[in-house]
Amino acid sequence: IGLCQTHSLYSPMREFRCHQQAVAAAQAFLDGLMEERELSEDERVNEELLGKVMRGEETPEIDLNDFAEIESAEADSKAQNIRDELTAKPAKKITRRNILRGNFG
């Protein structure tokens, strides 16, 4: 058995009255999928730029100022909360015996 890729075209399948209708709809979908068409501006990918990003090369074409920045105070506060949670000591020491018995309280 080899690779099997699936895609749900219709769910639920109530609108088909018979198997032939379902097969015809699937065939129409596949025919449309295989048609070559011109990509819209939003669908186009700058493959050269993508290659640079994937290789970790400098990309002066990308203006990092266009991306939202996290406020440093907010980020510092979240980082401190995480550190506090990780370094907090448990209120009660849990023994191996209690772990094996499922007694975590």
Protein backbone atom coordinates (compact mmCIF):
# COMPACT_ATOMS: atom_id res chain seq x y z
CA ILE A 1 0.00 0.00 0.00
CA GLY A 2 1.36 3.40 -0.95
CA LEU A 3 0.68 7.01 -0.15
CA CYS A 4 -2.97 8.05 0.06
CA GLN A 5 -3.94 11.72 0.10
CA THR A 6 -7.53 12.74 0.77
CA HIS A 7 -9.56 15.93 0.62
CA SER A 8 -13.12 16.32 1.83
CA LEU A 9 -15.10 17.91 -1.00
CA TYR A 10 -18.56 17.73 0.50
CA SER A 11 -19.56 17.18 4.07
CA PRO A 12 -22.17 15.99 4.77
CA MET A 13 -22.89 14.09 1.56
CA ARG A 14 -26.68 14.41 1.75
CA GLU A 15 -26.95 16.50 -1.43
CA PHE A 16 -25.98 13.53 -3.62
CA ARG A 17 -28.86 11.29 -4.58
CA CYS A 18 -26.68 8.50 -5.97
CA HIS A 19 -23.11 7.32 -6.27
CA GLN A 20 -22.81 8.56 -9.85
CA GLN A 21 -23.53 12.14 -8.75
CA ALA A 22 -20.78 11.94 -6.14
CA VAL A 23 -18.31 10.53 -8.68
CA ALA A 24 -19.22 13.29 -11.18
CA ALA A 25 -18.68 15.99 -8.54
CA ALA A 26 -15.30 14.51 -7.60
CA GLN A 27 -14.27 14.31 -11.26
CA ALA A 28 -15.30 17.94 -11.83
CA PHE A 29 -13.22 18.97 -8.82
CA LEU A 30 -10.17 17.07 -10.10
CA ASP A 31 -10.56 18.55 -13.58
CA GLY A 32 -10.67 22.05 -12.11
CA LEU A 33 -7.70 21.29 -9.89
CA MET A 34 -5.55 20.25 -12.83
CA GLU A 35 -6.34 23.34 -14.95
CA GLU A 36 -3.46 25.78 -15.25
CA ARG A 37 -4.46 29.36 -14.62
CA GLU A 38 -2.78 32.69 -14.06
CA LEU A 39 -2.16 33.36 -10.37
CA SER A 40 -3.52 36.53 -8.82
CA GLU A 41 -1.16 39.05 -7.21
CA ASP A 42 -2.01 37.67 -3.74
CA GLU A 43 -1.29 34.07 -4.79
CA ARG A 44 2.12 34.74 -6.36
CA VAL A 45 5.22 33.72 -4.41
CA ASN A 46 8.57 35.44 -4.80
CA GLU A 47 10.59 32.23 -5.02
CA GLU A 48 13.95 34.01 -4.96
CA LEU A 49 13.07 35.83 -1.74
CA LEU A 50 11.61 32.66 -0.23
CA GLY A 51 14.85 30.84 -1.02
CA LYS A 52 16.89 33.55 0.71
CA VAL A 53 14.70 33.35 3.80
CA MET A 54 14.91 29.55 3.90
CA ARG A 55 18.71 29.64 3.55
CA GLY A 56 19.01 32.28 6.29
CA GLU A 57 20.51 34.87 3.95
CA GLU A 58 20.15 38.63 4.36
CA THR A 59 16.86 39.92 2.97
CA PRO A 60 16.95 43.71 2.67
CA GLU A 61 13.72 43.47 0.64
CA ILE A 62 11.83 42.76 3.85
CA ASP A 63 11.14 45.78 6.02
CA LEU A 64 10.93 44.48 9.58
CA ASN A 65 9.23 47.72 10.63
CA ASP A 66 6.11 46.48 8.83
CA PHE A 67 5.63 43.80 11.47
CA ALA A 68 3.98 44.40 14.82
CA GLU A 69 6.33 44.64 17.76
CA ILE A 70 5.68 43.35 21.25
CA GLU A 71 5.98 46.00 23.90
CA SER A 72 9.15 45.23 25.86
CA ALA A 73 7.53 45.84 29.25
CA GLU A 74 4.73 43.41 28.40
CA ALA A 75 7.23 40.82 27.16
CA ASP A 76 9.39 41.25 30.27
CA SER A 77 6.35 40.83 32.50
CA LYS A 78 5.33 37.61 30.74
CA ALA A 79 8.89 36.27 30.91
CA GLN A 80 9.07 37.05 34.64
CA ASN A 81 5.76 35.26 35.26
CA ILE A 82 7.06 32.18 33.47
CA ARG A 83 10.30 32.27 35.48
CA ASP A 84 8.31 32.58 38.71
CA GLU A 85 6.17 29.57 37.81
CA LEU A 86 9.21 27.47 36.96
CA THR A 87 11.13 28.35 40.13
CA ALA A 88 8.18 28.15 42.53
CA LYS A 89 8.58 25.44 45.13
CA PRO A 90 5.70 23.01 45.54
CA ALA A 91 3.67 23.47 48.71
CA LYS A 92 4.02 19.80 49.63
CA LYS A 93 6.81 17.41 48.74
CA ILE A 94 5.58 14.55 46.59
CA THR A 95 7.18 11.19 47.31
CA ARG A 96 7.73 8.40 44.81
CA ARG A 97 5.28 6.27 46.74
CA ASN A 98 2.55 8.89 46.42
CA ILE A 99 3.26 9.28 42.70
CA LEU A 100 2.87 5.53 42.17
CA ARG A 101 -0.36 5.56 44.16
CA GLY A 102 -1.68 8.57 42.24
CA ASN A 103 -1.76 10.69 45.40
CA PHE A 104 -0.70 14.13 44.20
CA GLY A 105 -2.52 16.18 46.83
